[in-house]
Amino acid sequence: MTTLRKALEAASTLQELVEDGLQAVEKAHRGLIDAGIRAEFDDSIDIDTAFEEGHENEYRWDYLLGHRKSKRIVGLEPHSAANHEISRVIGKRSGALVHIRNHLQKGVAVTRWFWVASGNVDFLPVDKAVLRLAEGGITFVGRKLLKKHLA
């Protein structure tokens, strides 16, 4: 059984939305994950779409990925990287935590939340932006998710 499928409650409505590998990730967003680590993800889910109904006007995180090697779940948010977007991305993570809590088995959690720039990076000053994100439980990885981020 794959990482996400195993982590979700058997009766979770998300079970039917889990896709093998990175198939739930939009093709354009797959390029934001280093080609050398893409095969390390055994499954994925587009939680933005999964939780859209009834939450259309709320911030929603984009993806959860099952990392085969570590057997951990990571969140991935491709989003424009600018200071005025920090609160929005932190809000997306907060919303995701609420939405997924009743879907994950007891004791299971998303271990890392990664924000990857879907365009230019415009953080000024960068150190304050990174600190604010870290306080919000999010790691900004720049323009590509790399192996070092998963270590």
C-alpha atoms as a PDB file:
ATOM      1  CA  MET A   1       0.000   0.000   0.000  1.00  0.00           C
ATOM      2  CA  THR A   2       1.300   3.469  -0.864  1.00  0.00           C
ATOM      3  CA  THR A   3       2.199   6.123   1.705  1.00  0.00           C
ATOM      4  CA  LEU A   4      -0.881   8.360   1.493  1.00  0.00           C
ATOM      5  CA  ARG A   5      -3.310   5.484   1.098  1.00  0.00           C
ATOM      6  CA  LYS A   6      -1.881   3.893   4.224  1.00  0.00           C
ATOM      7  CA  ALA A   7      -1.982   7.187   6.171  1.00  0.00           C
ATOM      8  CA  LEU A   8      -5.619   7.935   5.380  1.00  0.00           C
ATOM      9  CA  GLU A   9      -8.522   6.424   7.281  1.00  0.00           C
ATOM     10  CA  ALA A  10      -9.971   3.513   5.306  1.00  0.00           C
ATOM     11  CA  ALA A  11     -13.362   5.274   5.099  1.00  0.00           C
ATOM     12  CA  SER A  12     -11.902   8.669   4.118  1.00  0.00           C
ATOM     13  CA  THR A  13     -13.437  10.174   1.006  1.00  0.00           C
ATOM     14  CA  LEU A  14      -9.894  11.191   0.047  1.00  0.00           C
ATOM     15  CA  GLN A  15      -8.930   7.546  -0.568  1.00  0.00           C
ATOM     16  CA  GLU A  16     -10.583   7.582  -3.991  1.00  0.00           C
ATOM     17  CA  LEU A  17      -8.732  10.778  -4.953  1.00  0.00           C
ATOM     18  CA  VAL A  18      -5.220   9.483  -4.266  1.00  0.00           C
ATOM     19  CA  GLU A  19      -3.268   8.957  -7.473  1.00  0.00           C
ATOM     20  CA  ASP A  20      -0.103   6.978  -8.107  1.00  0.00           C
ATOM     21  CA  GLY A  21       3.193   8.847  -8.242  1.00  0.00           C
ATOM     22  CA  LEU A  22       2.781  12.530  -9.000  1.00  0.00           C
ATOM     23  CA  GLN A  23      -0.288  12.072 -11.213  1.00  0.00           C
ATOM     24  CA  ALA A  24      -2.420  14.344  -8.961  1.00  0.00           C
ATOM     25  CA  VAL A  25       0.081  17.174  -9.462  1.00  0.00           C
ATOM     26  CA  GLU A  26      -0.558  19.405 -12.476  1.00  0.00           C
ATOM     27  CA  LYS A  27       2.021  18.787 -15.194  1.00  0.00           C
ATOM     28  CA  ALA A  28       3.303  22.360 -14.974  1.00  0.00           C
ATOM     29  CA  HIS A  29       3.815  21.948 -11.222  1.00  0.00           C
ATOM     30  CA  ARG A  30       5.696  18.640 -11.572  1.00  0.00           C
ATOM     31  CA  GLY A  31       8.542  20.644 -13.092  1.00  0.00           C
ATOM     32  CA  LEU A  32       8.912  22.405  -9.731  1.00  0.00           C
ATOM     33  CA  ILE A  33      10.068  19.076  -8.280  1.00  0.00           C
ATOM     34  CA  ASP A  34      13.614  18.068  -9.209  1.00  0.00           C
ATOM     35  CA  ALA A  35      13.525  15.293 -11.819  1.00  0.00           C
ATOM     36  CA  GLY A  36      15.950  13.244  -9.724  1.00  0.00           C
ATOM     37  CA  ILE A  37      13.471  12.877  -6.844  1.00  0.00           C
ATOM     38  CA  ARG A  38      10.116  12.620  -8.633  1.00  0.00           C
ATOM     39  CA  ALA A  39      10.201   8.813  -8.543  1.00  0.00           C
ATOM     40  CA  GLU A  40      10.572   8.932  -4.730  1.00  0.00           C
ATOM     41  CA  PHE A  41       6.905   9.913  -4.418  1.00  0.00           C
ATOM     42  CA  ASP A  42       4.632   6.904  -4.562  1.00  0.00           C
ATOM     43  CA  ASP A  43       1.330   8.786  -4.451  1.00  0.00           C
ATOM     44  CA  SER A  44      -0.247  12.227  -4.396  1.00  0.00           C
ATOM     45  CA  ILE A  45      -3.526  14.050  -3.915  1.00  0.00           C
ATOM     46  CA  ASP A  46      -4.772  17.430  -5.067  1.00  0.00           C
ATOM     47  CA  ILE A  47      -6.308  18.636  -1.799  1.00  0.00           C
ATOM     48  CA  ASP A  48      -7.081  22.054  -3.269  1.00  0.00           C
ATOM     49  CA  THR A  49      -9.647  20.420  -5.539  1.00  0.00           C
ATOM     50  CA  ALA A  50     -10.681  17.839  -2.941  1.00  0.00           C
ATOM     51  CA  PHE A  51     -11.738  20.509  -0.443  1.00  0.00           C
ATOM     52  CA  GLU A  52     -12.981  23.153  -2.882  1.00  0.00           C
ATOM     53  CA  GLU A  53     -16.705  22.415  -2.573  1.00  0.00           C
ATOM     54  CA  GLY A  54     -18.111  24.465   0.277  1.00  0.00           C
ATOM     55  CA  HIS A  55     -14.787  26.260   0.747  1.00  0.00           C
ATOM     56  CA  GLU A  56     -14.551  28.160  -2.538  1.00  0.00           C
ATOM     57  CA  ASN A  57     -13.601  31.453  -0.874  1.00  0.00           C
ATOM     58  CA  GLU A  58     -11.108  29.980   1.590  1.00  0.00           C
ATOM     59  CA  TYR A  59      -7.374  29.513   1.242  1.00  0.00           C
ATOM     60  CA  ARG A  60      -6.597  25.915   0.243  1.00  0.00           C
ATOM     61  CA  TRP A  61      -3.224  24.146   0.068  1.00  0.00           C
ATOM     62  CA  ASP A  62      -2.497  22.450  -3.260  1.00  0.00           C
ATOM     63  CA  TYR A  63      -0.970  18.990  -2.776  1.00  0.00           C
ATOM     64  CA  LEU A  64      -0.073  16.226  -0.378  1.00  0.00           C
ATOM     65  CA  LEU A  65       2.655  13.831  -1.539  1.00  0.00           C
ATOM     66  CA  GLY A  66       3.564  10.432  -0.152  1.00  0.00           C
ATOM     67  CA  HIS A  67       7.341  10.080   0.058  1.00  0.00           C
ATOM     68  CA  ARG A  68       8.117   6.386  -0.443  1.00  0.00           C
ATOM     69  CA  LYS A  69      11.628   6.432   1.024  1.00  0.00           C
ATOM     70  CA  SER A  70      10.773   8.052   4.356  1.00  0.00           C
ATOM     71  CA  LYS A  71       7.136   6.851   4.494  1.00  0.00           C
ATOM     72  CA  ARG A  72       6.191  10.454   5.306  1.00  0.00           C
ATOM     73  CA  ILE A  73       3.637  12.851   3.917  1.00  0.00           C
ATOM     74  CA  VAL A  74       4.711  16.266   2.710  1.00  0.00           C
ATOM     75  CA  GLY A  75       2.655  19.209   1.546  1.00  0.00           C
ATOM     76  CA  LEU A  76       3.581  21.097  -1.617  1.00  0.00           C
ATOM     77  CA  GLU A  77       2.309  24.575  -2.480  1.00  0.00           C
ATOM     78  CA  PRO A  78       3.374  26.034  -5.839  1.00  0.00           C
ATOM     79  CA  HIS A  79       2.635  29.739  -5.466  1.00  0.00           C
ATOM     80  CA  SER A  80       4.013  33.098  -6.465  1.00  0.00           C
ATOM     81  CA  ALA A  81       6.707  34.129  -3.976  1.00  0.00           C
ATOM     82  CA  ALA A  82       6.297  37.672  -2.741  1.00  0.00           C
ATOM     83  CA  ASN A  83       5.991  39.275   0.684  1.00  0.00           C
ATOM     84  CA  HIS A  84       2.293  40.011   0.204  1.00  0.00           C
ATOM     85  CA  GLU A  85       1.654  36.269  -0.365  1.00  0.00           C
ATOM     86  CA  ILE A  86       3.164  35.046   2.932  1.00  0.00           C
ATOM     87  CA  SER A  87      -0.045  35.425   4.957  1.00  0.00           C
ATOM     88  CA  ARG A  88      -2.034  33.708   2.201  1.00  0.00           C
ATOM     89  CA  VAL A  89       0.294  30.682   2.139  1.00  0.00           C
ATOM     90  CA  ILE A  90       0.295  30.431   5.941  1.00  0.00           C
ATOM     91  CA  GLY A  91      -3.507  30.575   5.782  1.00  0.00           C
ATOM     92  CA  LYS A  92      -3.524  27.772   3.206  1.00  0.00           C
ATOM     93  CA  ARG A  93      -1.525  25.532   5.559  1.00  0.00           C
ATOM     94  CA  SER A  94      -3.806  26.370   8.485  1.00  0.00           C
ATOM     95  CA  GLY A  95      -6.855  25.524   6.395  1.00  0.00           C
ATOM     96  CA  ALA A  96      -5.325  22.267   5.216  1.00  0.00           C
ATOM     97  CA  LEU A  97      -4.643  21.194   8.793  1.00  0.00           C
ATOM     98  CA  VAL A  98      -8.322  21.660   9.615  1.00  0.00           C
ATOM     99  CA  HIS A  99      -9.538  19.913   6.462  1.00  0.00           C
ATOM    100  CA  ILE A 100      -7.312  16.831   6.700  1.00  0.00           C
ATOM    101  CA  ARG A 101      -7.445  16.170  10.444  1.00  0.00           C
ATOM    102  CA  ASN A 102     -10.443  13.832  10.199  1.00  0.00           C
ATOM    103  CA  HIS A 103      -9.026  12.013   7.182  1.00  0.00           C
ATOM    104  CA  LEU A 104      -5.648  10.947   8.561  1.00  0.00           C
ATOM    105  CA  GLN A 105      -5.271   7.956  10.840  1.00  0.00           C
ATOM    106  CA  LYS A 106      -4.547   8.678  14.483  1.00  0.00           C
ATOM    107  CA  GLY A 107      -0.895   9.597  15.026  1.00  0.00           C
ATOM    108  CA  VAL A 108      -0.291  10.455  11.350  1.00  0.00           C
ATOM    109  CA  ALA A 109       0.643  13.984  10.323  1.00  0.00           C
ATOM    110  CA  VAL A 110       2.036  15.894   7.394  1.00  0.00           C
ATOM    111  CA  THR A 111       5.697  16.147   8.374  1.00  0.00           C
ATOM    112  CA  ARG A 112       6.833  18.988   6.115  1.00  0.00           C
ATOM    113  CA  TRP A 113       5.055  21.811   4.316  1.00  0.00           C
ATOM    114  CA  PHE A 114       6.979  23.139   1.301  1.00  0.00           C
ATOM    115  CA  TRP A 115       6.307  26.341  -0.622  1.00  0.00           C
ATOM    116  CA  VAL A 116       7.914  26.322  -4.050  1.00  0.00           C
ATOM    117  CA  ALA A 117       7.995  29.494  -6.161  1.00  0.00           C
ATOM    118  CA  SER A 118       5.852  29.211  -9.263  1.00  0.00           C
ATOM    119  CA  GLY A 119       7.476  32.335 -10.689  1.00  0.00           C
ATOM    120  CA  ASN A 120       9.980  34.956  -9.658  1.00  0.00           C
ATOM    121  CA  VAL A 121      11.014  35.220  -6.016  1.00  0.00           C
ATOM    122  CA  ASP A 122      10.364  38.682  -4.628  1.00  0.00           C
ATOM    123  CA  PHE A 123      10.964  38.530  -0.869  1.00  0.00           C
ATOM    124  CA  LEU A 124      12.425  41.654   0.694  1.00  0.00           C
ATOM    125  CA  PRO A 125      14.104  41.160   3.090  1.00  0.00           C
ATOM    126  CA  VAL A 126      14.484  37.444   2.503  1.00  0.00           C
ATOM    127  CA  ASP A 127      15.566  36.521   6.048  1.00  0.00           C
ATOM    128  CA  LYS A 128      12.424  38.024   7.618  1.00  0.00           C
ATOM    129  CA  ALA A 129      10.185  36.270   5.099  1.00  0.00           C
ATOM    130  CA  VAL A 130      11.847  32.895   5.715  1.00  0.00           C
ATOM    131  CA  LEU A 131      11.587  33.356   9.494  1.00  0.00           C
ATOM    132  CA  ARG A 132       7.896  34.247   9.291  1.00  0.00           C
ATOM    133  CA  LEU A 133       7.228  31.176   7.151  1.00  0.00           C
ATOM    134  CA  ALA A 134       9.162  28.935   9.535  1.00  0.00           C
ATOM    135  CA  GLU A 135       7.049  30.255  12.402  1.00  0.00           C
ATOM    136  CA  GLY A 136       4.019  29.252  10.302  1.00  0.00           C
ATOM    137  CA  GLY A 137       5.385  25.724   9.830  1.00  0.00           C
ATOM    138  CA  ILE A 138       6.371  26.228   6.194  1.00  0.00           C
ATOM    139  CA  THR A 139       9.710  25.810   4.438  1.00  0.00           C
ATOM    140  CA  PHE A 140      10.276  27.999   1.404  1.00  0.00           C
ATOM    141  CA  VAL A 141      12.398  25.970  -1.039  1.00  0.00           C
ATOM    142  CA  GLY A 142      12.873  28.477  -3.839  1.00  0.00           C
ATOM    143  CA  ARG A 143      12.100  27.540  -7.432  1.00  0.00           C
ATOM    144  CA  LYS A 144      12.463  23.759  -7.067  1.00  0.00           C
ATOM    145  CA  LEU A 145      11.922  21.063  -4.454  1.00  0.00           C
ATOM    146  CA  LEU A 146      15.277  19.254  -4.121  1.00  0.00           C
ATOM    147  CA  LYS A 147      16.536  16.103  -2.424  1.00  0.00           C
ATOM    148  CA  LYS A 148      18.171  18.183   0.323  1.00  0.00           C
ATOM    149  CA  HIS A 149      14.758  19.543   1.343  1.00  0.00           C
ATOM    150  CA  LEU A 150      13.488  16.023   2.034  1.00  0.00           C
ATOM    151  CA  ALA A 151      16.445  15.056   4.253  1.00  0.00           C
END
